PDB file of N, CA and C in Angstrom:
ATOM      1  N   UNK A   1      47.191 112.527-106.469  1.00  0.00           N
ATOM      2  CA  UNK A   1      47.702 112.648-105.114  1.00  0.00           C
ATOM      3  C   UNK A   1      46.910 111.761-104.151  1.00  0.00           C
ATOM      4  N   UNK A   2      45.583 111.715-104.368  1.00  0.00           N
ATOM      5  CA  UNK A   2      44.728 110.907-103.512  1.00  0.00           C
ATOM      6  C   UNK A   2      45.101 109.428-103.614  1.00  0.00           C
ATOM      7  N   UNK A   3      45.396 108.971-104.833  1.00  0.00           N
ATOM      8  CA  UNK A   3      45.751 107.571-105.050  1.00  0.00           C
ATOM      9  C   UNK A   3      47.065 107.227-104.351  1.00  0.00           C
ATOM     10  N   UNK A   4      47.993 108.154-104.346  1.00  0.00           N
ATOM     11  CA  UNK A   4      49.271 107.943-103.681  1.00  0.00           C
ATOM     12  C   UNK A   4      49.057 107.812-102.174  1.00  0.00           C
ATOM     13  N   UNK A   5      48.243 108.674-101.604  1.00  0.00           N
ATOM     14  CA  UNK A   5      47.972 108.630-100.167  1.00  0.00           C
ATOM     15  C   UNK A   5      47.285 107.333 -99.781  1.00  0.00           C
ATOM     16  N   UNK A   6      46.322 106.903-100.564  1.00  0.00           N
ATOM     17  CA  UNK A   6      45.629 105.643-100.279  1.00  0.00           C
ATOM     18  C   UNK A   6      46.605 104.473-100.398  1.00  0.00           C
ATOM     19  N   UNK A   7      47.449 104.505-101.404  1.00  0.00           N
ATOM     20  CA  UNK A   7      48.452 103.453-101.574  1.00  0.00           C
ATOM     21  C   UNK A   7      49.404 103.378-100.403  1.00  0.00           C
ATOM     22  N   UNK A   8      49.829 104.529 -99.905  1.00  0.00           N
ATOM     23  CA  UNK A   8      50.730 104.546 -98.746  1.00  0.00           C
ATOM     24  C   UNK A   8      50.067 103.971 -97.503  1.00  0.00           C
ATOM     25  N   UNK A   9      48.823 104.343 -97.274  1.00  0.00           N
ATOM     26  CA  UNK A   9      48.094 103.837 -96.097  1.00  0.00           C
ATOM     27  C   UNK A   9      47.942 102.321 -96.184  1.00  0.00           C
ATOM     28  N   UNK A  10      47.537 101.825 -97.344  1.00  0.00           N
ATOM     29  CA  UNK A  10      47.389 100.377 -97.511  1.00  0.00           C
ATOM     30  C   UNK A  10      48.722  99.659 -97.389  1.00  0.00           C
ATOM     31  N   UNK A  11      49.750 100.214 -97.979  1.00  0.00           N
ATOM     32  CA  UNK A  11      51.073  99.614 -97.902  1.00  0.00           C
ATOM     33  C   UNK A  11      51.604  99.551 -96.483  1.00  0.00           C
ATOM     34  N   UNK A  12      51.427 100.610 -95.735  1.00  0.00           N
ATOM     35  CA  UNK A  12      51.901 100.626 -94.345  1.00  0.00           C
ATOM     36  C   UNK A  12      51.119  99.612 -93.508  1.00  0.00           C
ATOM     37  N   UNK A  13      49.847  99.474 -93.782  1.00  0.00           N
ATOM     38  CA  UNK A  13      49.041  98.492 -93.062  1.00  0.00           C
ATOM     39  C   UNK A  13      49.526  97.081 -93.317  1.00  0.00           C
ATOM     40  N   UNK A  14      49.862  96.774 -94.550  1.00  0.00           N
ATOM     41  CA  UNK A  14      50.364  95.447 -94.882  1.00  0.00           C
ATOM     42  C   UNK A  14      51.745  95.204 -94.286  1.00  0.00           C
ATOM     43  N   UNK A  15      52.579  96.217 -94.266  1.00  0.00           N
ATOM     44  CA  UNK A  15      53.915  96.071 -93.710  1.00  0.00           C
ATOM     45  C   UNK A  15      53.905  95.897 -92.198  1.00  0.00           C
ATOM     46  N   UNK A  16      52.900  96.421 -91.534  1.00  0.00           N
ATOM     47  CA  UNK A  16      52.867  96.317 -90.073  1.00  0.00           C
ATOM     48  C   UNK A  16      52.671  94.888 -89.625  1.00  0.00           C
ATOM     49  N   UNK A  17      52.058  94.038 -90.460  1.00  0.00           N
ATOM     50  CA  UNK A  17      51.863  92.649 -90.099  1.00  0.00           C
ATOM     51  C   UNK A  17      50.650  92.420 -89.218  1.00  0.00           C
ATOM     52  N   UNK A  18      50.229  93.417 -88.481  1.00  0.00           N
ATOM     53  CA  UNK A  18      49.102  93.245 -87.581  1.00  0.00           C
ATOM     54  C   UNK A  18      47.787  93.102 -88.322  1.00  0.00           C
ATOM     55  N   UNK A  19      47.701  93.641 -89.506  1.00  0.00           N
ATOM     56  CA  UNK A  19      46.474  93.558 -90.278  1.00  0.00           C
ATOM     57  C   UNK A  19      46.209  92.102 -90.664  1.00  0.00           C
ATOM     58  N   UNK A  20      47.233  91.359 -91.004  1.00  0.00           N
ATOM     59  CA  UNK A  20      47.069  90.006 -91.490  1.00  0.00           C
ATOM     60  C   UNK A  20      47.157  88.955 -90.394  1.00  0.00           C
ATOM     61  N   UNK A  21      47.731  89.247 -89.269  1.00  0.00           N
ATOM     62  CA  UNK A  21      48.015  88.221 -88.273  1.00  0.00           C
ATOM     63  C   UNK A  21      47.337  88.474 -86.944  1.00  0.00           C
ATOM     64  N   UNK A  22      46.150  89.046 -86.969  1.00  0.00           N
ATOM     65  CA  UNK A  22      45.453  89.306 -85.715  1.00  0.00           C
ATOM     66  C   UNK A  22      45.032  87.985 -85.098  1.00  0.00           C
ATOM     67  N   UNK A  23      45.368  87.815 -83.822  1.00  0.00           N
ATOM     68  CA  UNK A  23      45.023  86.592 -83.127  1.00  0.00           C
ATOM     69  C   UNK A  23      43.703  86.710 -82.405  1.00  0.00           C
ATOM     70  N   UNK A  24      43.185  85.577 -81.991  1.00  0.00           N
ATOM     71  CA  UNK A  24      41.927  85.481 -81.262  1.00  0.00           C
ATOM     72  C   UNK A  24      42.262  85.189 -79.801  1.00  0.00           C
ATOM     73  N   UNK A  25      42.058  86.173 -78.927  1.00  0.00           N
ATOM     74  CA  UNK A  25      42.421  86.042 -77.514  1.00  0.00           C
ATOM     75  C   UNK A  25      41.666  84.906 -76.835  1.00  0.00           C
ATOM     76  N   UNK A  26      40.398  84.697 -77.192  1.00  0.00           N
ATOM     77  CA  UNK A  26      39.618  83.619 -76.574  1.00  0.00           C
ATOM     78  C   UNK A  26      40.194  82.252 -76.953  1.00  0.00           C
ATOM     79  N   UNK A  27      40.558  82.090 -78.214  1.00  0.00           N
ATOM     80  CA  UNK A  27      41.187  80.840 -78.648  1.00  0.00           C
ATOM     81  C   UNK A  27      42.549  80.672 -77.981  1.00  0.00           C
ATOM     82  N   UNK A  28      43.261  81.773 -77.806  1.00  0.00           N
ATOM     83  CA  UNK A  28      44.555  81.729 -77.134  1.00  0.00           C
ATOM     84  C   UNK A  28      44.423  81.312 -75.679  1.00  0.00           C
ATOM     85  N   UNK A  29      43.388  81.791 -75.012  1.00  0.00           N
ATOM     86  CA  UNK A  29      43.157  81.414 -73.618  1.00  0.00           C
ATOM     87  C   UNK A  29      42.923  79.913 -73.505  1.00  0.00           C
ATOM     88  N   UNK A  30      42.161  79.354 -74.420  1.00  0.00           N
ATOM     89  CA  UNK A  30      41.909  77.914 -74.405  1.00  0.00           C
ATOM     90  C   UNK A  30      43.199  77.129 -74.649  1.00  0.00           C
ATOM     91  N   UNK A  31      44.067  77.644 -75.487  1.00  0.00           N
ATOM     92  CA  UNK A  31      45.321  76.965 -75.835  1.00  0.00           C
ATOM     93  C   UNK A  31      46.387  77.133 -74.744  1.00  0.00           C
ATOM     94  N   UNK A  32      46.223  78.136 -73.879  1.00  0.00           N
ATOM     95  CA  UNK A  32      47.254  78.501 -72.905  1.00  0.00           C
ATOM     96  C   UNK A  32      47.353  77.579 -71.699  1.00  0.00           C
ATOM     97  N   UNK A  33      46.481  76.594 -71.589  1.00  0.00           N
ATOM     98  CA  UNK A  33      46.494  75.719 -70.412  1.00  0.00           C
ATOM     99  C   UNK A  33      47.863  75.074 -70.199  1.00  0.00           C
ATOM    100  N   UNK A  34      48.494  74.620 -71.255  1.00  0.00           N
ATOM    101  CA  UNK A  34      49.804  73.977 -71.125  1.00  0.00           C
ATOM    102  C   UNK A  34      50.884  74.976 -70.713  1.00  0.00           C
ATOM    103  N   UNK A  35      50.725  76.235 -71.125  1.00  0.00           N
ATOM    104  CA  UNK A  35      51.690  77.280 -70.794  1.00  0.00           C
ATOM    105  C   UNK A  35      51.661  77.603 -69.303  1.00  0.00           C
ATOM    106  N   UNK A  36      50.496  77.387 -68.686  1.00  0.00           N
ATOM    107  CA  UNK A  36      50.293  77.753 -67.282  1.00  0.00           C
ATOM    108  C   UNK A  36      51.234  77.010 -66.340  1.00  0.00           C
ATOM    109  N   UNK A  37      51.678  75.839 -66.714  1.00  0.00           N
ATOM    110  CA  UNK A  37      52.565  75.066 -65.846  1.00  0.00           C
ATOM    111  C   UNK A  37      53.826  75.854 -65.479  1.00  0.00           C
ATOM    112  N   UNK A  38      54.332  76.619 -66.403  1.00  0.00           N
ATOM    113  CA  UNK A  38      55.549  77.399 -66.161  1.00  0.00           C
ATOM    114  C   UNK A  38      55.282  78.899 -66.066  1.00  0.00           C
ATOM    115  N   UNK A  39      54.351  79.375 -66.891  1.00  0.00           N
ATOM    116  CA  UNK A  39      54.115  80.814 -66.988  1.00  0.00           C
ATOM    117  C   UNK A  39      52.928  81.283 -66.162  1.00  0.00           C
ATOM    118  N   UNK A  40      52.304  80.384 -65.413  1.00  0.00           N
ATOM    119  CA  UNK A  40      51.200  80.731 -64.525  1.00  0.00           C
ATOM    120  C   UNK A  40      49.866  80.841 -65.232  1.00  0.00           C
ATOM    121  N   UNK A  41      48.806  80.496 -64.502  1.00  0.00           N
ATOM    122  CA  UNK A  41      47.457  80.540 -65.069  1.00  0.00           C
ATOM    123  C   UNK A  41      47.060  81.956 -65.472  1.00  0.00           C
ATOM    124  N   UNK A  42      47.623  82.936 -64.800  1.00  0.00           N
ATOM    125  CA  UNK A  42      47.304  84.343 -65.086  1.00  0.00           C
ATOM    126  C   UNK A  42      48.417  85.049 -65.852  1.00  0.00           C
ATOM    127  N   UNK A  43      49.386  84.270 -66.347  1.00  0.00           N
ATOM    128  CA  UNK A  43      50.490  84.853 -67.104  1.00  0.00           C
ATOM    129  C   UNK A  43      51.641  85.343 -66.251  1.00  0.00           C
ATOM    130  N   UNK A  44      51.539  85.151 -64.934  1.00  0.00           N
ATOM    131  CA  UNK A  44      52.637  85.485 -64.014  1.00  0.00           C
ATOM    132  C   UNK A  44      53.359  84.185 -63.689  1.00  0.00           C
ATOM    133  N   UNK A  45      54.617  84.106 -64.063  1.00  0.00           N
ATOM    134  CA  UNK A  45      55.393  82.874 -63.933  1.00  0.00           C
ATOM    135  C   UNK A  45      55.399  82.347 -62.507  1.00  0.00           C
ATOM    136  N   UNK A  46      55.233  81.038 -62.386  1.00  0.00           N
ATOM    137  CA  UNK A  46      55.241  80.389 -61.075  1.00  0.00           C
ATOM    138  C   UNK A  46      56.631  79.880 -60.712  1.00  0.00           C
ATOM    139  N   UNK A  47      57.534  79.871 -61.655  1.00  0.00           N
ATOM    140  CA  UNK A  47      58.897  79.387 -61.440  1.00  0.00           C
ATOM    141  C   UNK A  47      59.858  80.564 -61.599  1.00  0.00           C
ATOM    142  N   UNK A  48      60.685  80.814 -60.586  1.00  0.00           N
ATOM    143  CA  UNK A  48      61.645  81.925 -60.688  1.00  0.00           C
ATOM    144  C   UNK A  48      62.526  81.772 -61.936  1.00  0.00           C
ATOM    145  N   UNK A  49      62.738  82.874 -62.623  1.00  0.00           N
ATOM    146  CA  UNK A  49      63.564  82.867 -63.822  1.00  0.00           C
ATOM    147  C   UNK A  49      62.781  82.671 -65.108  1.00  0.00           C
ATOM    148  N   UNK A  50      61.528  82.269 -65.001  1.00  0.00           N
ATOM    149  CA  UNK A  50      60.688  82.116 -66.192  1.00  0.00           C
ATOM    150  C   UNK A  50      60.018  83.451 -66.461  1.00  0.00           C
ATOM    151  N   UNK A  51      59.832  83.807 -67.723  1.00  0.00           N
ATOM    152  CA  UNK A  51      59.242  85.120 -68.030  1.00  0.00           C
ATOM    153  C   UNK A  51      57.740  85.193 -67.768  1.00  0.00           C
ATOM    154  N   UNK A  52      57.314  86.354 -67.301  1.00  0.00           N
ATOM    155  CA  UNK A  52      55.886  86.643 -67.193  1.00  0.00           C
ATOM    156  C   UNK A  52      55.384  86.974 -68.588  1.00  0.00           C
ATOM    157  N   UNK A  53      54.235  86.438 -68.947  1.00  0.00           N
ATOM    158  CA  UNK A  53      53.658  86.698 -70.254  1.00  0.00           C
ATOM    159  C   UNK A  53      52.500  87.692 -70.186  1.00  0.00           C
ATOM    160  N   UNK A  54      51.982  87.890 -69.005  1.00  0.00           N
ATOM    161  CA  UNK A  54      50.852  88.801 -68.811  1.00  0.00           C
ATOM    162  C   UNK A  54      51.217  90.207 -69.284  1.00  0.00           C
ATOM    163  N   UNK A  55      50.421  90.724 -70.239  1.00  0.00           N
ATOM    164  CA  UNK A  55      50.617  92.085 -70.728  1.00  0.00           C
ATOM    165  C   UNK A  55      51.817  92.275 -71.631  1.00  0.00           C
ATOM    166  N   UNK A  56      52.494  91.184 -71.991  1.00  0.00           N
ATOM    167  CA  UNK A  56      53.673  91.290 -72.852  1.00  0.00           C
ATOM    168  C   UNK A  56      53.242  91.749 -74.256  1.00  0.00           C
ATOM    169  N   UNK A  57      54.117  92.408 -74.953  1.00  0.00           N
ATOM    170  CA  UNK A  57      53.866  92.889 -76.301  1.00  0.00           C
ATOM    171  C   UNK A  57      53.530  91.716 -77.225  1.00  0.00           C
ATOM    172  N   UNK A  58      52.434  91.852 -77.963  1.00  0.00           N
ATOM    173  CA  UNK A  58      51.946  90.762 -78.814  1.00  0.00           C
ATOM    174  C   UNK A  58      52.973  90.328 -79.860  1.00  0.00           C
ATOM    175  N   UNK A  59      53.560  91.283 -80.554  1.00  0.00           N
ATOM    176  CA  UNK A  59      54.532  90.934 -81.589  1.00  0.00           C
ATOM    177  C   UNK A  59      55.778  90.291 -80.995  1.00  0.00           C
ATOM    178  N   UNK A  60      56.164  90.708 -79.793  1.00  0.00           N
ATOM    179  CA  UNK A  60      57.320  90.096 -79.127  1.00  0.00           C
ATOM    180  C   UNK A  60      57.049  88.622 -78.845  1.00  0.00           C
ATOM    181  N   UNK A  61      55.832  88.320 -78.384  1.00  0.00           N
ATOM    182  CA  UNK A  61      55.491  86.923 -78.098  1.00  0.00           C
ATOM    183  C   UNK A  61      55.542  86.097 -79.386  1.00  0.00           C
ATOM    184  N   UNK A  62      54.968  86.610 -80.455  1.00  0.00           N
ATOM    185  CA  UNK A  62      54.987  85.906 -81.745  1.00  0.00           C
ATOM    186  C   UNK A  62      56.425  85.655 -82.179  1.00  0.00           C
ATOM    187  N   UNK A  63      57.244  86.688 -82.126  1.00  0.00           N
ATOM    188  CA  UNK A  63      58.640  86.575 -82.550  1.00  0.00           C
ATOM    189  C   UNK A  63      59.398  85.566 -81.686  1.00  0.00           C
ATOM    190  N   UNK A  64      59.171  85.620 -80.387  1.00  0.00           N
ATOM    191  CA  UNK A  64      59.865  84.716 -79.465  1.00  0.00           C
ATOM    192  C   UNK A  64      59.478  83.267 -79.699  1.00  0.00           C
ATOM    193  N   UNK A  65      58.175  82.998 -79.807  1.00  0.00           N
ATOM    194  CA  UNK A  65      57.740  81.611 -80.016  1.00  0.00           C
ATOM    195  C   UNK A  65      58.258  81.094 -81.348  1.00  0.00           C
ATOM    196  N   UNK A  66      58.214  81.928 -82.374  1.00  0.00           N
ATOM    197  CA  UNK A  66      58.748  81.501 -83.676  1.00  0.00           C
ATOM    198  C   UNK A  66      60.243  81.225 -83.612  1.00  0.00           C
ATOM    199  N   UNK A  67      60.971  82.012 -82.828  1.00  0.00           N
ATOM    200  CA  UNK A  67      62.414  81.779 -82.678  1.00  0.00           C
ATOM    201  C   UNK A  67      62.667  80.433 -82.003  1.00  0.00           C
ATOM    202  N   UNK A  68      61.862  80.090 -81.004  1.00  0.00           N
ATOM    203  CA  UNK A  68      61.990  78.765 -80.385  1.00  0.00           C
ATOM    204  C   UNK A  68      61.624  77.676 -81.388  1.00  0.00           C
ATOM    205  N   UNK A  69      60.544  77.878 -82.098  1.00  0.00           N
ATOM    206  CA  UNK A  69      60.070  76.885 -83.073  1.00  0.00           C
ATOM    207  C   UNK A  69      61.130  76.620 -84.142  1.00  0.00           C
ATOM    208  N   UNK A  70      61.824  77.667 -84.563  1.00  0.00           N
ATOM    209  CA  UNK A  70      62.859  77.548 -85.588  1.00  0.00           C
ATOM    210  C   UNK A  70      64.239  77.227 -85.015  1.00  0.00           C
ATOM    211  N   UNK A  71      64.274  76.954 -83.708  1.00  0.00           N
ATOM    212  CA  UNK A  71      65.515  76.620 -82.981  1.00  0.00           C
ATOM    213  C   UNK A  71      66.568  77.714 -83.106  1.00  0.00           C
ATOM    214  N   UNK A  72      66.101  78.964 -83.146  1.00  0.00           N
ATOM    215  CA  UNK A  72      66.996  80.113 -83.190  1.00  0.00           C
ATOM    216  C   UNK A  72      67.312  80.617 -81.792  1.00  0.00           C
ATOM    217  N   UNK A  73      66.550  80.185 -80.800  1.00  0.00           N
ATOM    218  CA  UNK A  73      66.816  80.517 -79.401  1.00  0.00           C
ATOM    219  C   UNK A  73      67.332  79.265 -78.717  1.00  0.00           C
ATOM    220  N   UNK A  74      68.485  79.405 -78.056  1.00  0.00           N
ATOM    221  CA  UNK A  74      69.131  78.271 -77.410  1.00  0.00           C
ATOM    222  C   UNK A  74      69.561  78.661 -76.007  1.00  0.00           C
ATOM    223  N   UNK A  75      70.025  77.705 -75.266  1.00  0.00           N
ATOM    224  CA  UNK A  75      70.512  77.970 -73.915  1.00  0.00           C
ATOM    225  C   UNK A  75      69.408  77.830 -72.889  1.00  0.00           C
ATOM    226  N   UNK A  76      69.820  77.706 -71.645  1.00  0.00           N
ATOM    227  CA  UNK A  76      68.848  77.575 -70.569  1.00  0.00           C
ATOM    228  C   UNK A  76      67.912  76.412 -70.817  1.00  0.00           C
ATOM    229  N   UNK A  77      66.649  76.671 -70.708  1.00  0.00           N
ATOM    230  CA  UNK A  77      65.633  75.643 -70.941  1.00  0.00           C
ATOM    231  C   UNK A  77      64.985  75.790 -72.315  1.00  0.00           C
ATOM    232  N   UNK A  78      65.766  76.279 -73.270  1.00  0.00           N
ATOM    233  CA  UNK A  78      65.241  76.487 -74.624  1.00  0.00           C
ATOM    234  C   UNK A  78      64.704  75.193 -75.221  1.00  0.00           C
ATOM    235  N   UNK A  79      65.289  74.063 -74.879  1.00  0.00           N
ATOM    236  CA  UNK A  79      64.826  72.783 -75.428  1.00  0.00           C
ATOM    237  C   UNK A  79      63.368  72.522 -75.055  1.00  0.00           C
ATOM    238  N   UNK A  80      62.979  72.929 -73.865  1.00  0.00           N
ATOM    239  CA  UNK A  80      61.589  72.764 -73.434  1.00  0.00           C
ATOM    240  C   UNK A  80      60.672  73.617 -74.309  1.00  0.00           C
ATOM    241  N   UNK A  81      61.046  74.874 -74.488  1.00  0.00           N
ATOM    242  CA  UNK A  81      60.222  75.765 -75.311  1.00  0.00           C
ATOM    243  C   UNK A  81      60.251  75.360 -76.785  1.00  0.00           C
ATOM    244  N   UNK A  82      61.366  74.868 -77.260  1.00  0.00           N
ATOM    245  CA  UNK A  82      61.435  74.416 -78.652  1.00  0.00           C
ATOM    246  C   UNK A  82      60.451  73.274 -78.890  1.00  0.00           C
ATOM    247  N   UNK A  83      60.383  72.354 -77.931  1.00  0.00           N
ATOM    248  CA  UNK A  83      59.450  71.230 -78.053  1.00  0.00           C
ATOM    249  C   UNK A  83      58.001  71.717 -78.027  1.00  0.00           C
ATOM    250  N   UNK A  84      57.698  72.636 -77.112  1.00  0.00           N
ATOM    251  CA  UNK A  84      56.338  73.170 -77.023  1.00  0.00           C
ATOM    252  C   UNK A  84      55.980  73.949 -78.284  1.00  0.00           C
ATOM    253  N   UNK A  85      56.884  74.802 -78.732  1.00  0.00           N
ATOM    254  CA  UNK A  85      56.622  75.651 -79.897  1.00  0.00           C
ATOM    255  C   UNK A  85      56.465  74.827 -81.169  1.00  0.00           C
ATOM    256  N   UNK A  86      57.157  73.706 -81.260  1.00  0.00           N
ATOM    257  CA  UNK A  86      57.081  72.881 -82.467  1.00  0.00           C
ATOM    258  C   UNK A  86      55.677  72.338 -82.700  1.00  0.00           C
ATOM    259  N   UNK A  87      54.873  72.288 -81.657  1.00  0.00           N
ATOM    260  CA  UNK A  87      53.509  71.763 -81.769  1.00  0.00           C
ATOM    261  C   UNK A  87      52.472  72.837 -82.098  1.00  0.00           C
ATOM    262  N   UNK A  88      52.913  74.089 -82.203  1.00  0.00           N
ATOM    263  CA  UNK A  88      51.991  75.200 -82.430  1.00  0.00           C
ATOM    264  C   UNK A  88      51.932  75.603 -83.899  1.00  0.00           C
ATOM    265  N   UNK A  89      50.720  75.859 -84.375  1.00  0.00           N
ATOM    266  CA  UNK A  89      50.541  76.391 -85.722  1.00  0.00           C
ATOM    267  C   UNK A  89      50.726  77.907 -85.669  1.00  0.00           C
ATOM    268  N   UNK A  90      50.773  78.543 -86.829  1.00  0.00           N
ATOM    269  CA  UNK A  90      50.860  80.006 -86.873  1.00  0.00           C
ATOM    270  C   UNK A  90      49.652  80.632 -86.195  1.00  0.00           C
ATOM    271  N   UNK A  91      48.480  80.043 -86.400  1.00  0.00           N
ATOM    272  CA  UNK A  91      47.260  80.560 -85.763  1.00  0.00           C
ATOM    273  C   UNK A  91      47.340  80.410 -84.246  1.00  0.00           C
ATOM    274  N   UNK A  92      47.843  79.263 -83.771  1.00  0.00           N
ATOM    275  CA  UNK A  92      47.997  79.055 -82.331  1.00  0.00           C
ATOM    276  C   UNK A  92      48.897  80.130 -81.725  1.00  0.00           C
ATOM    277  N   UNK A  93      50.000  80.405 -82.395  1.00  0.00           N
ATOM    278  CA  UNK A  93      50.964  81.394 -81.907  1.00  0.00           C
ATOM    279  C   UNK A  93      50.320  82.776 -81.856  1.00  0.00           C
ATOM    280  N   UNK A  94      49.617  83.144 -82.919  1.00  0.00           N
ATOM    281  CA  UNK A  94      48.941  84.449 -82.954  1.00  0.00           C
ATOM    282  C   UNK A  94      47.884  84.535 -81.857  1.00  0.00           C
ATOM    283  N   UNK A  95      47.159  83.451 -81.637  1.00  0.00           N
ATOM    284  CA  UNK A  95      46.123  83.438 -80.612  1.00  0.00           C
ATOM    285  C   UNK A  95      46.706  83.538 -79.203  1.00  0.00           C
ATOM    286  N   UNK A  96      47.776  82.806 -78.944  1.00  0.00           N
ATOM    287  CA  UNK A  96      48.431  82.891 -77.634  1.00  0.00           C
ATOM    288  C   UNK A  96      48.965  84.299 -77.390  1.00  0.00           C
ATOM    289  N   UNK A  97      49.572  84.885 -78.406  1.00  0.00           N
ATOM    290  CA  UNK A  97      50.107  86.240 -78.269  1.00  0.00           C
ATOM    291  C   UNK A  97      48.982  87.244 -78.001  1.00  0.00           C
ATOM    292  N   UNK A  98      47.864  87.080 -78.704  1.00  0.00           N
ATOM    293  CA  UNK A  98      46.724  87.974 -78.489  1.00  0.00           C
ATOM    294  C   UNK A  98      46.194  87.827 -77.077  1.00  0.00           C
ATOM    295  N   UNK A  99      46.121  86.597 -76.588  1.00  0.00           N
ATOM    296  CA  UNK A  99      45.620  86.362 -75.230  1.00  0.00           C
ATOM    297  C   UNK A  99      46.524  86.983 -74.174  1.00  0.00           C
ATOM    298  N   UNK A 100      47.799  86.628 -74.199  1.00  0.00           N
ATOM    299  CA  UNK A 100      48.703  87.130 -73.159  1.00  0.00           C
ATOM    300  C   UNK A 100      48.875  88.642 -73.209  1.00  0.00           C
ATOM    301  N   UNK A 101      48.866  89.218 -74.401  1.00  0.00           N
ATOM    302  CA  UNK A 101      49.016  90.664 -74.491  1.00  0.00           C
ATOM    303  C   UNK A 101      47.759  91.391 -74.008  1.00  0.00           C
ATOM    304  N   UNK A 102      46.629  90.695 -74.029  1.00  0.00           N
ATOM    305  CA  UNK A 102      45.367  91.321 -73.583  1.00  0.00           C
ATOM    306  C   UNK A 102      45.234  91.362 -72.062  1.00  0.00           C
ATOM    307  N   UNK A 103      46.031  90.563 -71.367  1.00  0.00           N
ATOM    308  CA  UNK A 103      45.948  90.524 -69.913  1.00  0.00           C
ATOM    309  C   UNK A 103      46.548  91.785 -69.319  1.00  0.00           C
ATOM    310  N   UNK A 104      45.821  92.406 -68.431  1.00  0.00           N
ATOM    311  CA  UNK A 104      46.318  93.637 -67.791  1.00  0.00           C
ATOM    312  C   UNK A 104      46.394  93.459 -66.304  1.00  0.00           C
TER     313      UNK A 104
END
């Protein structure tokens, strides 16, 4: 029974994705300079209609940037984000998400 419980805990941890993809908020802050042009230096958008990133859910940011990178998000100014996202590594994306989600 103990082995089953340990297996379930480990399995759930791996399925959550957060165990393997934890980002570095400090590295994300350094990478976020280019994002500030539209999303603000503090994560509050400076352009009406652009999303605020400050305090946003970390996994949502990862999913959104990956969708732009994979050209799964279209319309509006998606071409701008697709170009920006194409230059980001998986680590960059995780770090940016960790940074913006840490802002309160």
